[in-house]
Amino acid sequence: MALIDEEVLLEQPTFQEVPPRQRILEALMSKDTTVSRDEDSLENEMVLNMGPQHPATHGVLRVLLRLDGETVVSAETELGYLHRGYEKLAENMTYHEYIPHTDRLDYISPIANNVGYVLAVEKLMKIELPRRAQYTRVICCELARISSHLLALGALAMDIGALTVFVWALREREKLYDIFDVLTGVRFTVSYMRIGGMAQDIGEDAIRMLNAFLEGLPDAMKDIGSMLNKNRIFLERTSGIGIMPQDEALDLGWTGPNLRASGLAVDLRRDNPYLVYNELDFDVITRTESDVLARYWCRFYEIAESAKIIRQALDKLPKGDYFARDVKKVLPRKSQVYSKMEDLINDFMLVNFGQSTPVGEAYHGIEAAKGELGWYLVSNGSGFPWRSKIRSPSFNSLQGLSRLLEGAMISDVVAIIGSIDPIMGEADK
C-alpha cells in the first residue's frame, strides 16, 4: 500500500515565487531588492556552503544553498575539487597503460570501469572476444553492480539515520571484496581486464565463493528490507522528496536507476546488448514515483536481478580460452613471453609503443551501476589515443541536483544527494 496517494507523489512542486537563480545571486551580492521578493523575505534568507568536505556529500562536492528559513530557495552545484584530468591523461599513455586509471573513476565499482574501457578499445581495434571471457565479464559487471548498490542503500540509510543498515551493507560488500581478491588477486582497484581478455581466468575457488555469496544474499537483503521498507521514519523522509519528472530527467541526460525511477525502462543491457546479455534473462526494474524512495526501490530490487544474471552466467560459463589470440593487438601471456622469442618481441613492442590502432573513432557504453558509462576514443593510428572522452553517469546525475533541491527542506538535502548516488571520482574527470 502506498504511503501517499500516487497523484500526490507525482504532483510536481511549483516555484513561481522564486526568481531565476542568477538574479537571486546577483541580488545577494548587490543588496538589490528589486527582485520579486519582499525585503523581509530577503532579510530572512541566508547562503550556506555545504561542502566540499561535508561528511554527507558522498565525496568532494560543494553545494551552495540559498535558504529561506529551512527551505532551499535555490542551489548551485560545484564540481572540480579533485583536479583529476583523466581524459587528458589518457592521451599521454598507451591504451594498456590507462587501464589502472579506470579503477579510480567510479571507485565503488572499479571492475565495471575496466570492462567499459576495454570494450571501447576492442571496438576500435575490432578484436573479437572469446565466449568464456564474455561470460566472465558479465559476472564481473554484475558483482560490481551489487557492490555499488549495497553501498548506495547503506549510505542513503545512514544519511537519514539508520546506521545499522550501513554496517550490514558493508558486511556484504566485504564478502565481495574477498571474492575479488581470489578472482583478480586484488581486493579493490583490481585492474583485472586486459585488451582482448582478462589478466587471469576465473578459477574454481572464485566460483565456489560466488555461489556461497549468492546463497546468502537473499537473507542479507531481507534484513535490510525489514529495517527500512516499512520503517515510518525512512518512508516519510524519502516519499515525495526530490521528484524528477521524466522529461527533465531525459533533458539532463540521466540514465540508470535514477532514470528508471522516473518511469522509463531504459537499460543498455537489454536495449543495446553487449557481451552476452542478450542470452540472459532479467527484468528491468522501474518505478513511477520519481522521488528519493523510488530511486531506493530501483537499486534494492536490481540487486536481486544482478544475482539472477550471475547464476545464469555461471551455469552457462563455457570452456575455452579467456584471451583473444591476436599477437599484434593482445599482450601474450607471461608463460609465452618467458619461453618464446616472438612473444617476447611482441610483448616489448606492445608495452613500450602500444597497440597500433586503425585511424578512426569508436564509442562504447555499458550499463554501469550508476547509468551509462561510455568511452569515446579517437585514434590517429598511433599507440596512444588522440582523444579520450568519458561519458560518466555521476556527472550527468549531478546536473539535476540543483533542480531537485529547490523547494526542499535543508534536512532533505543529504537524502536527495544520497538518492542519486554520485561518485566524484568519475564526475570530476
Protein backbone atom coordinates (compact mmCIF):
# COMPACT_ATOMS: atom_id res chain seq x y z
CA MET A 1 0.00 0.00 0.00
CA ALA A 2 1.39 3.37 -0.97
CA LEU A 3 2.28 5.66 1.89
CA ILE A 4 0.95 8.68 -0.02
CA ASP A 5 -1.67 8.89 -2.76
CA GLU A 6 0.03 8.31 -6.13
CA GLU A 7 -1.38 11.57 -7.54
CA VAL A 8 0.20 13.46 -4.67
CA LEU A 9 3.54 11.71 -5.25
CA LEU A 10 3.57 12.59 -8.95
CA GLU A 11 2.38 16.16 -8.48
CA GLN A 12 5.27 18.47 -9.24
CA PRO A 13 6.07 21.35 -6.87
CA THR A 14 5.94 24.83 -8.32
CA PHE A 15 8.33 27.62 -7.52
CA GLN A 16 6.74 30.60 -9.24
CA GLU A 17 7.64 32.86 -6.35
CA VAL A 18 11.33 32.07 -6.80
CA PRO A 19 13.14 34.33 -9.32
CA PRO A 20 15.76 32.89 -11.67
CA ARG A 21 18.85 31.61 -9.89
CA GLN A 22 21.20 34.18 -11.40
CA ARG A 23 19.02 37.08 -10.26
CA ILE A 24 18.97 35.71 -6.73
CA LEU A 25 22.74 35.52 -6.56
CA GLU A 26 23.15 38.96 -8.11
CA ALA A 27 20.68 40.40 -5.62
CA LEU A 28 22.60 38.79 -2.77
CA MET A 29 25.86 40.39 -3.91
CA SER A 30 24.43 43.84 -4.72
CA LYS A 31 21.78 44.02 -1.96
CA ASP A 32 19.33 44.72 -4.76
CA THR A 33 15.75 44.32 -3.52
CA THR A 34 14.06 44.80 -6.87
CA VAL A 35 13.70 41.08 -7.39
CA SER A 36 10.21 39.73 -6.86
CA ARG A 37 10.70 39.02 -3.13
CA ASP A 38 9.84 41.45 -0.38
CA GLU A 39 12.51 43.00 1.83
CA ASP A 40 11.53 41.00 4.91
CA SER A 41 11.91 37.76 2.96
CA LEU A 42 15.39 38.75 1.75
CA GLU A 43 16.45 39.57 5.30
CA ASN A 44 15.42 36.09 6.43
CA GLU A 45 17.45 34.38 3.71
CA MET A 46 20.99 33.16 4.08
CA VAL A 47 23.62 31.44 1.96
CA LEU A 48 25.07 28.21 3.29
CA ASN A 49 28.13 26.38 1.94
CA MET A 50 27.62 22.63 2.16
CA GLY A 51 30.94 21.01 1.45
CA PRO A 52 33.25 20.41 -0.27
CA GLN A 53 34.37 18.46 2.81
CA HIS A 54 30.93 17.74 4.24
CA PRO A 55 30.56 14.16 5.54
CA ALA A 56 27.20 13.65 3.80
CA THR A 57 28.06 14.85 0.29
CA HIS A 58 29.45 11.44 -0.80
CA GLY A 59 32.73 12.87 -1.95
CA VAL A 60 34.34 16.21 -2.65
CA LEU A 61 31.17 18.07 -3.67
CA ARG A 62 30.29 21.67 -2.89
CA VAL A 63 26.66 22.77 -2.87
CA LEU A 64 25.88 26.46 -2.39
CA LEU A 65 22.44 26.67 -0.77
CA ARG A 66 20.30 29.77 -0.53
CA LEU A 67 17.86 29.27 2.34
CA ASP A 68 14.66 30.94 3.46
CA GLY A 69 14.45 29.59 6.97
CA GLU A 70 14.82 25.83 6.46
CA THR A 71 13.61 25.86 2.85
CA VAL A 72 16.06 25.71 -0.03
CA VAL A 73 15.26 28.60 -2.36
CA SER A 74 18.00 27.74 -4.85
CA ALA A 75 21.15 25.65 -5.05
CA GLU A 76 24.34 25.73 -7.07
CA THR A 77 26.34 22.51 -7.54
CA GLU A 78 30.07 22.94 -7.97
CA LEU A 79 32.47 20.20 -9.09
CA GLY A 80 36.16 20.20 -9.82
CA TYR A 81 37.83 19.84 -6.44
CA LEU A 82 39.66 16.61 -7.29
CA HIS A 83 41.57 18.07 -10.29
CA ARG A 84 41.90 14.62 -11.85
CA GLY A 85 42.13 15.24 -15.60
CA TYR A 86 41.75 11.58 -16.51
CA GLU A 87 40.55 12.31 -20.01
CA LYS A 88 43.72 14.26 -20.79
CA LEU A 89 45.95 11.71 -19.06
CA ALA A 90 44.73 9.05 -21.50
CA GLU A 91 46.25 10.97 -24.41
CA ASN A 92 49.73 10.59 -22.95
CA MET A 93 49.85 6.84 -22.34
CA THR A 94 49.17 3.67 -24.26
CA TYR A 95 45.76 2.03 -24.26
CA HIS A 96 47.09 -0.70 -21.98
CA GLU A 97 48.75 1.70 -19.52
CA TYR A 98 45.47 3.52 -18.95
CA ILE A 99 43.59 0.51 -17.54
CA PRO A 100 44.59 1.12 -13.86
CA HIS A 101 43.28 4.69 -14.11
CA THR A 102 39.79 3.42 -14.91
CA ASP A 103 39.65 1.77 -11.47
CA ARG A 104 39.82 5.19 -9.89
CA LEU A 105 36.89 6.79 -11.71
CA ASP A 106 33.84 5.22 -10.07
CA TYR A 107 35.98 3.67 -7.37
CA ILE A 108 32.97 1.87 -5.87
CA SER A 109 32.73 -0.44 -8.90
CA PRO A 110 36.21 -0.42 -10.45
CA ILE A 111 35.93 -3.73 -12.27
CA ALA A 112 32.95 -2.46 -14.31
CA ASN A 113 35.01 0.58 -15.31
CA ASN A 114 37.67 -1.82 -16.61
CA VAL A 115 35.07 -3.57 -18.74
CA GLY A 116 33.62 -0.36 -20.18
CA TYR A 117 37.02 0.95 -21.21
CA VAL A 118 38.45 -2.21 -22.77
CA LEU A 119 35.21 -2.81 -24.70
CA ALA A 120 35.63 0.62 -26.32
CA VAL A 121 39.28 -0.13 -27.18
CA GLU A 122 38.37 -3.57 -28.55
CA LYS A 123 35.65 -1.99 -30.68
CA LEU A 124 38.20 0.47 -32.04
CA MET A 125 40.68 -2.35 -32.77
CA LYS A 126 37.99 -4.80 -33.99
CA ILE A 127 39.03 -7.50 -31.53
CA GLU A 128 36.65 -10.43 -31.12
CA LEU A 129 36.45 -11.71 -27.55
CA PRO A 130 36.21 -15.45 -26.69
CA ARG A 131 32.90 -16.61 -25.22
CA ARG A 132 34.36 -17.54 -21.85
CA ALA A 133 35.79 -14.05 -21.46
CA GLN A 134 32.41 -12.50 -22.33
CA TYR A 135 30.60 -14.52 -19.68
CA THR A 136 33.27 -13.74 -17.11
CA ARG A 137 32.98 -10.03 -17.82
CA VAL A 138 29.20 -10.20 -17.34
CA ILE A 139 29.77 -11.80 -13.94
CA CYS A 140 32.25 -9.08 -13.02
CA CYS A 141 29.91 -6.27 -14.07
CA GLU A 142 27.02 -7.65 -12.06
CA LEU A 143 29.20 -8.16 -8.99
CA ALA A 144 30.22 -4.51 -9.33
CA ARG A 145 26.55 -3.51 -9.57
CA ILE A 146 25.68 -5.37 -6.39
CA SER A 147 28.65 -3.84 -4.58
CA SER A 148 27.74 -0.33 -5.73
CA HIS A 149 24.04 -0.66 -4.90
CA LEU A 150 24.78 -2.06 -1.46
CA LEU A 151 26.85 0.99 -0.62
CA ALA A 152 24.24 3.31 -2.15
CA LEU A 153 21.48 1.79 0.00
CA GLY A 154 23.64 1.79 3.12
CA ALA A 155 24.84 5.36 2.65
CA LEU A 156 21.32 6.66 1.98
CA ALA A 157 20.05 4.92 5.11
CA MET A 158 22.94 6.30 7.15
CA ASP A 159 22.30 9.83 5.88
CA ILE A 160 18.74 9.53 7.19
CA GLY A 161 19.85 7.98 10.48
CA ALA A 162 19.82 4.19 10.06
CA LEU A 163 23.46 3.42 10.83
CA THR A 164 22.82 -0.30 11.29
CA VAL A 165 21.88 -0.74 7.62
CA PHE A 166 25.14 0.87 6.57
CA VAL A 167 27.08 -1.67 8.66
CA TRP A 168 25.07 -4.55 7.19
CA ALA A 169 25.72 -3.31 3.65
CA LEU A 170 29.45 -3.08 4.30
CA ARG A 171 29.39 -6.61 5.72
CA GLU A 172 28.06 -7.96 2.41
CA ARG A 173 30.47 -5.85 0.37
CA GLU A 174 33.35 -7.28 2.40
CA LYS A 175 32.36 -10.72 1.13
CA LEU A 176 32.51 -9.37 -2.42
CA TYR A 177 36.00 -7.99 -1.81
CA ASP A 178 37.10 -11.44 -0.70
CA ILE A 179 35.78 -12.80 -4.00
CA PHE A 180 37.58 -10.09 -5.97
CA ASP A 181 40.78 -10.95 -4.10
CA VAL A 182 40.59 -14.56 -5.26
CA LEU A 183 39.31 -13.73 -8.76
CA THR A 184 41.71 -10.89 -9.61
CA GLY A 185 44.43 -11.00 -6.96
CA VAL A 186 43.40 -7.56 -5.64
CA ARG A 187 40.54 -6.52 -3.37
CA PHE A 188 39.67 -3.02 -4.53
CA THR A 189 41.34 -1.35 -7.54
CA VAL A 190 41.60 -4.57 -9.46
CA SER A 191 42.86 -3.64 -13.00
CA TYR A 192 41.58 -7.10 -13.93
CA MET A 193 40.66 -6.55 -17.57
CA ARG A 194 43.06 -6.60 -20.48
CA ILE A 195 42.57 -5.57 -24.08
CA GLY A 196 41.36 -8.83 -25.55
CA GLY A 197 40.58 -10.65 -22.31
CA MET A 198 41.41 -10.71 -18.61
CA ALA A 199 44.58 -10.88 -16.55
CA GLN A 200 43.71 -14.43 -15.47
CA ASP A 201 40.91 -16.95 -15.83
CA ILE A 202 38.09 -17.33 -13.33
CA GLY A 203 39.02 -20.23 -11.09
CA GLU A 204 37.05 -22.87 -9.21
CA ASP A 205 37.76 -21.20 -5.86
CA ALA A 206 36.20 -17.96 -7.07
CA ILE A 207 33.17 -19.80 -8.46
CA ARG A 208 32.70 -21.62 -5.16
CA MET A 209 32.85 -18.34 -3.23
CA LEU A 210 30.42 -16.76 -5.70
CA ASN A 211 27.85 -19.50 -5.17
CA ALA A 212 28.16 -19.17 -1.40
CA PHE A 213 27.69 -15.40 -1.61
CA LEU A 214 24.62 -15.72 -3.84
CA GLU A 215 23.11 -18.26 -1.46
CA GLY A 216 23.34 -15.86 1.48
CA LEU A 217 22.42 -12.66 -0.38
CA PRO A 218 18.60 -13.04 -0.13
CA ASP A 219 18.78 -13.23 3.67
CA ALA A 220 21.03 -10.18 3.78
CA MET A 221 18.61 -8.19 1.61
CA LYS A 222 15.72 -9.39 3.76
CA ASP A 223 17.48 -7.94 6.80
CA ILE A 224 17.93 -4.58 5.08
CA GLY A 225 14.34 -4.62 3.85
CA SER A 226 12.93 -5.45 7.26
CA MET A 227 14.78 -2.46 8.70
CA LEU A 228 13.78 0.09 6.05
CA ASN A 229 10.93 -0.93 3.78
CA LYS A 230 8.19 -0.45 6.37
CA ASN A 231 10.04 2.00 8.59
CA ARG A 232 7.81 5.05 9.03
CA ILE A 233 10.71 7.45 9.56
CA PHE A 234 12.56 6.21 6.46
CA LEU A 235 9.45 6.32 4.29
CA GLU A 236 8.43 9.81 5.39
CA ARG A 237 11.97 11.09 4.83
CA THR A 238 12.04 9.74 1.26
CA SER A 239 8.46 9.76 -0.11
CA GLY A 240 7.61 12.77 -2.25
CA ILE A 241 11.10 14.24 -1.82
CA GLY A 242 13.40 15.12 -4.73
CA ILE A 243 10.92 14.46 -7.53
CA MET A 244 12.42 14.39 -11.03
CA PRO A 245 9.90 14.25 -13.92
CA GLN A 246 10.63 12.06 -16.94
CA ASP A 247 11.09 14.89 -19.42
CA GLU A 248 13.55 16.74 -17.21
CA ALA A 249 15.46 13.54 -16.46
CA LEU A 250 15.88 12.96 -20.21
CA ASP A 251 16.91 16.57 -20.83
CA LEU A 252 19.59 16.27 -18.15
CA GLY A 253 20.97 13.03 -19.60
CA TRP A 254 20.00 10.87 -16.65
CA THR A 255 20.45 7.12 -17.08
CA GLY A 256 20.49 4.02 -14.93
CA PRO A 257 18.43 3.62 -11.75
CA ASN A 258 17.85 7.38 -11.50
CA LEU A 259 16.11 7.44 -14.89
CA ARG A 260 14.28 4.17 -14.34
CA ALA A 261 12.91 5.55 -11.05
CA SER A 262 11.21 8.23 -13.17
CA GLY A 263 9.29 5.56 -15.08
CA LEU A 264 11.48 4.96 -18.16
CA ALA A 265 12.56 1.35 -18.69
CA VAL A 266 15.90 2.16 -20.34
CA ASP A 267 18.72 -0.35 -19.90
CA LEU A 268 21.63 -0.81 -22.31
CA ARG A 269 21.94 -4.46 -21.34
CA ARG A 270 18.56 -5.05 -22.97
CA ASP A 271 18.16 -2.16 -25.43
CA ASN A 272 21.67 -2.25 -26.91
CA PRO A 273 23.05 -5.59 -25.70
CA TYR A 274 26.78 -6.20 -25.44
CA LEU A 275 28.83 -9.20 -24.31
CA VAL A 276 26.24 -11.99 -23.81
CA TYR A 277 23.43 -10.08 -22.08
CA ASN A 278 21.07 -10.95 -24.95
CA GLU A 279 21.39 -14.62 -23.91
CA LEU A 280 20.40 -13.98 -20.30
CA ASP A 281 17.01 -13.41 -18.71
CA PHE A 282 16.45 -10.47 -16.35
CA ASP A 283 13.90 -7.77 -15.62
CA VAL A 284 14.40 -4.01 -15.93
CA ILE A 285 13.24 -2.50 -12.64
CA THR A 286 11.25 0.73 -12.93
CA ARG A 287 9.18 2.97 -10.67
CA THR A 288 6.87 5.86 -11.45
CA GLU A 289 7.07 7.97 -8.28
CA SER A 290 10.27 9.72 -9.42
CA ASP A 291 11.33 10.54 -5.86
CA VAL A 292 14.06 9.53 -3.39
CA LEU A 293 12.15 6.41 -2.35
CA ALA A 294 11.68 5.31 -5.98
CA ARG A 295 15.42 5.54 -6.59
CA TYR A 296 15.97 3.46 -3.44
CA TRP A 297 13.49 0.80 -4.64
CA CYS A 298 15.14 0.51 -8.04
CA ARG A 299 18.55 -0.21 -6.54
CA PHE A 300 17.09 -2.54 -3.91
CA TYR A 301 15.41 -4.78 -6.50
CA GLU A 302 18.20 -4.53 -9.07
CA ILE A 303 20.46 -6.39 -6.64
CA ALA A 304 18.22 -9.46 -6.98
CA GLU A 305 18.25 -9.15 -10.78
CA SER A 306 22.05 -8.98 -10.81
CA ALA A 307 22.19 -12.12 -8.68
CA LYS A 308 19.88 -13.82 -11.20
CA ILE A 309 22.19 -12.82 -14.06
CA ILE A 310 25.29 -14.13 -12.25
CA ARG A 311 23.64 -17.50 -11.60
CA GLN A 312 22.75 -17.87 -15.28
CA ALA A 313 26.24 -16.83 -16.37
CA LEU A 314 27.84 -19.36 -14.02
CA ASP A 315 25.55 -22.12 -15.33
CA LYS A 316 26.33 -21.26 -18.96
CA LEU A 317 30.04 -20.48 -18.48
CA PRO A 318 31.71 -22.25 -21.42
CA LYS A 319 35.06 -23.92 -21.54
CA GLY A 320 37.81 -22.50 -23.67
CA ASP A 321 40.19 -19.60 -23.82
CA TYR A 322 39.71 -16.38 -21.87
CA PHE A 323 42.05 -14.34 -24.09
CA ALA A 324 41.82 -13.39 -27.76
CA ARG A 325 44.64 -14.63 -29.98
CA ASP A 326 45.92 -11.61 -31.91
CA VAL A 327 49.66 -11.16 -31.45
CA LYS A 328 49.70 -7.61 -32.89
CA LYS A 329 46.99 -6.29 -30.55
CA VAL A 330 46.81 -8.54 -27.48
CA LEU A 331 49.56 -8.94 -24.90
CA PRO A 332 50.93 -12.50 -24.81
CA ARG A 333 50.79 -14.49 -21.60
CA LYS A 334 53.82 -14.40 -19.35
CA SER A 335 54.49 -18.10 -19.83
CA GLN A 336 54.84 -17.45 -23.55
CA VAL A 337 56.95 -14.32 -23.06
CA TYR A 338 59.43 -16.29 -20.97
CA SER A 339 59.64 -19.19 -23.41
CA LYS A 340 59.28 -17.84 -26.98
CA MET A 341 61.35 -15.14 -28.67
CA GLU A 342 58.47 -14.00 -30.92
CA ASP A 343 56.17 -13.42 -27.95
CA LEU A 344 58.93 -11.62 -26.07
CA ILE A 345 59.32 -9.22 -29.01
CA ASN A 346 55.56 -8.70 -29.28
CA ASP A 347 55.31 -8.00 -25.56
CA PHE A 348 58.15 -5.48 -25.77
CA MET A 349 56.58 -3.64 -28.70
CA LEU A 350 53.06 -3.54 -27.23
CA VAL A 351 54.18 -2.40 -23.79
CA ASN A 352 56.55 0.28 -24.99
CA PHE A 353 54.77 1.60 -28.08
CA GLY A 354 51.19 0.49 -27.61
CA GLN A 355 48.75 -1.16 -29.96
CA SER A 356 48.68 0.50 -33.38
CA THR A 357 45.01 1.17 -33.83
CA PRO A 358 43.34 1.99 -37.17
CA VAL A 359 42.63 5.65 -37.79
CA GLY A 360 39.08 6.39 -36.73
CA GLU A 361 36.81 6.70 -33.75
CA ALA A 362 34.69 4.47 -31.55
CA TYR A 363 32.24 4.78 -28.70
CA HIS A 364 31.03 2.04 -26.42
CA GLY A 365 28.70 2.40 -23.47
CA ILE A 366 27.80 -0.12 -20.81
CA GLU A 367 25.04 -0.18 -18.22
CA ALA A 368 27.14 0.53 -15.15
CA ALA A 369 25.65 0.63 -11.66
CA LYS A 370 25.01 4.37 -11.86
CA GLY A 371 23.93 4.52 -15.50
CA GLU A 372 25.52 4.66 -18.93
CA LEU A 373 29.30 4.62 -18.66
CA GLY A 374 30.98 5.06 -22.02
CA TRP A 375 34.27 5.91 -23.67
CA TYR A 376 34.65 7.85 -26.88
CA LEU A 377 38.07 7.24 -28.40
CA VAL A 378 39.64 8.94 -31.42
CA SER A 379 42.70 7.30 -32.99
CA ASN A 380 45.29 8.80 -35.32
CA GLY A 381 46.93 5.43 -35.91
CA SER A 382 49.49 5.60 -33.10
CA GLY A 383 49.66 3.57 -29.91
CA PHE A 384 48.13 6.45 -27.94
CA PRO A 385 44.55 7.73 -28.18
CA TRP A 386 44.45 11.14 -29.88
CA ARG A 387 41.32 12.00 -27.87
CA SER A 388 39.54 10.29 -25.00
CA LYS A 389 36.15 11.37 -23.66
CA ILE A 390 34.39 9.70 -20.74
CA ARG A 391 30.61 9.64 -20.52
CA SER A 392 30.30 9.30 -16.73
CA PRO A 393 26.80 8.82 -15.24
CA SER A 394 27.58 10.63 -11.97
CA PHE A 395 28.38 13.82 -13.86
CA ASN A 396 25.02 13.77 -15.61
CA SER A 397 23.16 12.86 -12.43
CA LEU A 398 24.66 15.82 -10.58
CA GLN A 399 23.35 18.15 -13.28
CA GLY A 400 19.90 17.57 -11.81
CA LEU A 401 20.86 18.21 -8.20
CA SER A 402 20.08 21.94 -8.24
CA ARG A 403 16.62 21.20 -9.65
CA LEU A 404 15.94 18.52 -7.04
CA LEU A 405 16.96 20.72 -4.13
CA GLU A 406 14.77 23.73 -4.99
CA GLY A 407 11.87 23.86 -2.57
CA ALA A 408 13.20 21.05 -0.35
CA MET A 409 13.94 21.37 3.34
CA ILE A 410 17.55 21.59 4.40
CA SER A 411 17.14 18.23 6.17
CA ASP A 412 16.22 16.69 2.81
CA VAL A 413 19.46 17.75 1.12
CA VAL A 414 21.54 14.76 2.27
CA ALA A 415 18.75 12.31 1.38
CA ILE A 416 18.43 13.75 -2.13
CA ILE A 417 22.19 13.65 -2.72
CA GLY A 418 22.34 10.07 -1.46
CA SER A 419 19.45 9.02 -3.70
CA ILE A 420 21.22 9.98 -6.94
CA ASP A 421 24.33 8.09 -5.75
CA PRO A 422 27.12 10.28 -7.19
CA ILE A 423 30.79 9.35 -7.04
CA MET A 424 33.04 12.35 -7.51
CA GLY A 425 35.90 10.31 -8.97
CA GLU A 426 34.04 10.00 -12.27
CA ALA A 427 32.15 13.30 -12.03
CA ASP A 428 35.39 15.28 -11.78
CA LYS A 429 37.21 13.69 -14.69
